[in-house]
Amino acid sequence: MHPGFHMTESVPSSTQRQLQFENGSAIGTSQRWLGGQYCSVLTSVGIVGCGIYDLKTAEEFGQAIAIAKGTPTNPLVEPEDLLDAKIVGTTAKAAELGIKAGDTGRAAIEAMLAASSSAGA
């Protein structure tokens, strides 16, 4: 169980908040239900998320997605959990932004924010 999540909390639940980075701001989200959760950071050009995201489907739609994976004993629950997590997979569109496996979630988010700034988004 994640330190910030207690079984007494009501599920399902969904939260979102504005997160600030060097290259701009993004929206962090966390969703929880009985027995599961996922989190993500949404930018104007793509998403850095946990392993629940399916890269194959995102690839079909040409989306920029980078994923990190938690473990059953150390799940990714809050968007801030993604910042130090290592990226384990990307779509081609995310790779075009310079994001690669082994990068931190923070580096992937910064790359997406830099791309949205240069694109005028």
C-alpha atoms as a PDB file:
ATOM      1  CA  MET A   1       0.000   0.000   0.000  1.00  0.00           C
ATOM      2  CA  HIS A   2       1.295   3.445  -0.899  1.00  0.00           C
ATOM      3  CA  PRO A   3       2.212   5.543   2.166  1.00  0.00           C
ATOM      4  CA  GLY A   4      -0.233   8.263   1.150  1.00  0.00           C
ATOM      5  CA  PHE A   5      -3.160   5.907   0.583  1.00  0.00           C
ATOM      6  CA  HIS A   6      -5.164   4.400   3.387  1.00  0.00           C
ATOM      7  CA  MET A   7      -7.870   1.781   3.007  1.00  0.00           C
ATOM      8  CA  THR A   8     -10.225   4.119   4.845  1.00  0.00           C
ATOM      9  CA  GLU A   9     -10.141   6.518   1.881  1.00  0.00           C
ATOM     10  CA  SER A  10     -13.210   6.404  -0.308  1.00  0.00           C
ATOM     11  CA  VAL A  11     -12.958   4.651  -3.668  1.00  0.00           C
ATOM     12  CA  PRO A  12     -13.363   5.182  -6.460  1.00  0.00           C
ATOM     13  CA  SER A  13     -11.458   8.443  -6.323  1.00  0.00           C
ATOM     14  CA  SER A  14      -9.824  10.764  -8.811  1.00  0.00           C
ATOM     15  CA  THR A  15      -7.629  13.779  -8.181  1.00  0.00           C
ATOM     16  CA  GLN A  16      -5.814  16.226 -10.386  1.00  0.00           C
ATOM     17  CA  ARG A  17      -3.508  19.126  -9.760  1.00  0.00           C
ATOM     18  CA  GLN A  18      -1.280  21.582 -11.583  1.00  0.00           C
ATOM     19  CA  LEU A  19       2.423  20.679 -11.408  1.00  0.00           C
ATOM     20  CA  GLN A  20       5.237  23.136 -12.145  1.00  0.00           C
ATOM     21  CA  PHE A  21       8.435  22.225 -14.005  1.00  0.00           C
ATOM     22  CA  GLU A  22      11.375  24.150 -15.459  1.00  0.00           C
ATOM     23  CA  ASN A  23       9.830  24.086 -18.939  1.00  0.00           C
ATOM     24  CA  GLY A  24       6.253  24.866 -17.903  1.00  0.00           C
ATOM     25  CA  SER A  25       3.277  23.325 -16.173  1.00  0.00           C
ATOM     26  CA  ALA A  26       1.401  20.053 -16.564  1.00  0.00           C
ATOM     27  CA  ILE A  27      -1.583  18.334 -14.983  1.00  0.00           C
ATOM     28  CA  GLY A  28      -0.945  15.453 -12.592  1.00  0.00           C
ATOM     29  CA  THR A  29      -3.699  12.905 -12.028  1.00  0.00           C
ATOM     30  CA  SER A  30      -4.301   9.949  -9.739  1.00  0.00           C
ATOM     31  CA  GLN A  31      -7.171   7.468  -9.959  1.00  0.00           C
ATOM     32  CA  ARG A  32      -7.937   4.732  -7.430  1.00  0.00           C
ATOM     33  CA  TRP A  33     -10.399   1.893  -7.117  1.00  0.00           C
ATOM     34  CA  LEU A  34     -10.586  -1.246  -4.986  1.00  0.00           C
ATOM     35  CA  GLY A  35      -7.449  -3.213  -5.759  1.00  0.00           C
ATOM     36  CA  GLY A  36      -5.883  -0.769  -8.197  1.00  0.00           C
ATOM     37  CA  GLN A  37      -4.685   2.665  -9.142  1.00  0.00           C
ATOM     38  CA  TYR A  38      -2.907   4.605 -11.842  1.00  0.00           C
ATOM     39  CA  CYS A  39      -1.290   7.986 -12.233  1.00  0.00           C
ATOM     40  CA  SER A  40      -0.145  10.244 -15.030  1.00  0.00           C
ATOM     41  CA  VAL A  41       1.224  13.647 -15.935  1.00  0.00           C
ATOM     42  CA  LEU A  42      -0.506  15.285 -18.886  1.00  0.00           C
ATOM     43  CA  THR A  43       1.248  17.830 -21.090  1.00  0.00           C
ATOM     44  CA  SER A  44      -0.020  19.523 -24.231  1.00  0.00           C
ATOM     45  CA  VAL A  45       1.933  17.065 -26.419  1.00  0.00           C
ATOM     46  CA  GLY A  46       1.646  13.786 -24.501  1.00  0.00           C
ATOM     47  CA  ILE A  47       1.517  11.799 -21.286  1.00  0.00           C
ATOM     48  CA  VAL A  48       4.035  10.343 -18.881  1.00  0.00           C
ATOM     49  CA  GLY A  49       2.178   7.611 -17.054  1.00  0.00           C
ATOM     50  CA  CYS A  50       2.391   4.389 -15.151  1.00  0.00           C
ATOM     51  CA  GLY A  51       2.472   0.948 -16.736  1.00  0.00           C
ATOM     52  CA  ILE A  52      -1.304   0.714 -17.119  1.00  0.00           C
ATOM     53  CA  TYR A  53      -1.040   2.650 -20.391  1.00  0.00           C
ATOM     54  CA  ASP A  54      -0.968   0.493 -23.526  1.00  0.00           C
ATOM     55  CA  LEU A  55       1.801   1.699 -25.826  1.00  0.00           C
ATOM     56  CA  LYS A  56       0.514  -0.338 -28.782  1.00  0.00           C
ATOM     57  CA  THR A  57      -2.812   1.502 -28.877  1.00  0.00           C
ATOM     58  CA  ALA A  58      -1.144   4.884 -28.304  1.00  0.00           C
ATOM     59  CA  GLU A  59       1.259   4.059 -31.161  1.00  0.00           C
ATOM     60  CA  GLU A  60      -1.668   3.396 -33.510  1.00  0.00           C
ATOM     61  CA  PHE A  61      -2.929   6.916 -32.849  1.00  0.00           C
ATOM     62  CA  GLY A  62       0.484   8.594 -33.118  1.00  0.00           C
ATOM     63  CA  GLN A  63       0.488   9.738 -29.497  1.00  0.00           C
ATOM     64  CA  ALA A  64       3.537  10.704 -27.417  1.00  0.00           C
ATOM     65  CA  ILE A  65       3.391   8.402 -24.406  1.00  0.00           C
ATOM     66  CA  ALA A  66       6.174   7.368 -22.038  1.00  0.00           C
ATOM     67  CA  ILE A  67       5.572   4.857 -19.262  1.00  0.00           C
ATOM     68  CA  ALA A  68       7.245   3.947 -16.002  1.00  0.00           C
ATOM     69  CA  LYS A  69       6.339   0.895 -13.949  1.00  0.00           C
ATOM     70  CA  GLY A  70       5.947   0.485 -10.252  1.00  0.00           C
ATOM     71  CA  THR A  71       5.858  -2.843  -8.447  1.00  0.00           C
ATOM     72  CA  PRO A  72       3.204  -4.450  -6.241  1.00  0.00           C
ATOM     73  CA  THR A  73       5.267  -3.456  -3.190  1.00  0.00           C
ATOM     74  CA  ASN A  74       6.094   0.035  -4.517  1.00  0.00           C
ATOM     75  CA  PRO A  75       3.269   1.104  -6.844  1.00  0.00           C
ATOM     76  CA  LEU A  76       3.108   4.403  -8.685  1.00  0.00           C
ATOM     77  CA  VAL A  77       0.056   6.048  -7.135  1.00  0.00           C
ATOM     78  CA  GLU A  78       0.499   9.813  -7.220  1.00  0.00           C
ATOM     79  CA  PRO A  79       1.792  11.797 -10.206  1.00  0.00           C
ATOM     80  CA  GLU A  80       4.815  12.848  -8.138  1.00  0.00           C
ATOM     81  CA  ASP A  81       5.748   9.150  -7.913  1.00  0.00           C
ATOM     82  CA  LEU A  82       6.515   9.301 -11.641  1.00  0.00           C
ATOM     83  CA  LEU A  83       9.180  12.001 -11.307  1.00  0.00           C
ATOM     84  CA  ASP A  84      12.011   9.760 -10.086  1.00  0.00           C
ATOM     85  CA  ALA A  85      10.686   6.563 -11.709  1.00  0.00           C
ATOM     86  CA  LYS A  86      12.569   5.247 -14.731  1.00  0.00           C
ATOM     87  CA  ILE A  87      10.914   5.234 -18.140  1.00  0.00           C
ATOM     88  CA  VAL A  88      10.592   1.649 -19.411  1.00  0.00           C
ATOM     89  CA  GLY A  89       8.809   2.240 -22.709  1.00  0.00           C
ATOM     90  CA  THR A  90       7.846   4.936 -25.197  1.00  0.00           C
ATOM     91  CA  THR A  91       5.923   5.384 -28.384  1.00  0.00           C
ATOM     92  CA  ALA A  92       7.773   6.497 -31.516  1.00  0.00           C
ATOM     93  CA  LYS A  93       6.306   9.985 -31.094  1.00  0.00           C
ATOM     94  CA  ALA A  94       7.750  10.232 -27.562  1.00  0.00           C
ATOM     95  CA  ALA A  95      11.102   8.935 -28.849  1.00  0.00           C
ATOM     96  CA  GLU A  96      11.073  11.723 -31.471  1.00  0.00           C
ATOM     97  CA  LEU A  97      11.036  14.140 -28.506  1.00  0.00           C
ATOM     98  CA  GLY A  98      14.252  12.528 -27.230  1.00  0.00           C
ATOM     99  CA  ILE A  99      12.611  10.411 -24.527  1.00  0.00           C
ATOM    100  CA  LYS A 100      14.166   6.969 -24.032  1.00  0.00           C
ATOM    101  CA  ALA A 101      14.090   4.027 -21.643  1.00  0.00           C
ATOM    102  CA  GLY A 102      16.135   4.791 -18.538  1.00  0.00           C
ATOM    103  CA  ASP A 103      15.219   8.493 -18.452  1.00  0.00           C
ATOM    104  CA  THR A 104      13.474   9.705 -15.316  1.00  0.00           C
ATOM    105  CA  GLY A 105       9.825  10.619 -15.517  1.00  0.00           C
ATOM    106  CA  ARG A 106      10.817  14.207 -14.757  1.00  0.00           C
ATOM    107  CA  ALA A 107      13.193  14.280 -17.762  1.00  0.00           C
ATOM    108  CA  ALA A 108      10.429  12.888 -20.002  1.00  0.00           C
ATOM    109  CA  ILE A 109       7.961  15.514 -18.762  1.00  0.00           C
ATOM    110  CA  GLU A 110      10.515  18.288 -19.290  1.00  0.00           C
ATOM    111  CA  ALA A 111      11.118  17.039 -22.860  1.00  0.00           C
ATOM    112  CA  MET A 112       7.386  17.116 -23.586  1.00  0.00           C
ATOM    113  CA  LEU A 113       7.032  20.580 -22.091  1.00  0.00           C
ATOM    114  CA  ALA A 114      10.013  21.842 -24.110  1.00  0.00           C
ATOM    115  CA  ALA A 115       8.407  20.435 -27.268  1.00  0.00           C
ATOM    116  CA  SER A 116       5.097  22.123 -26.490  1.00  0.00           C
ATOM    117  CA  SER A 117       6.899  25.450 -25.935  1.00  0.00           C
ATOM    118  CA  SER A 118       8.711  25.210 -29.261  1.00  0.00           C
ATOM    119  CA  ALA A 119       5.460  24.200 -30.973  1.00  0.00           C
ATOM    120  CA  GLY A 120       3.678  27.207 -29.480  1.00  0.00           C
ATOM    121  CA  ALA A 121       1.203  25.015 -27.606  1.00  0.00           C
END
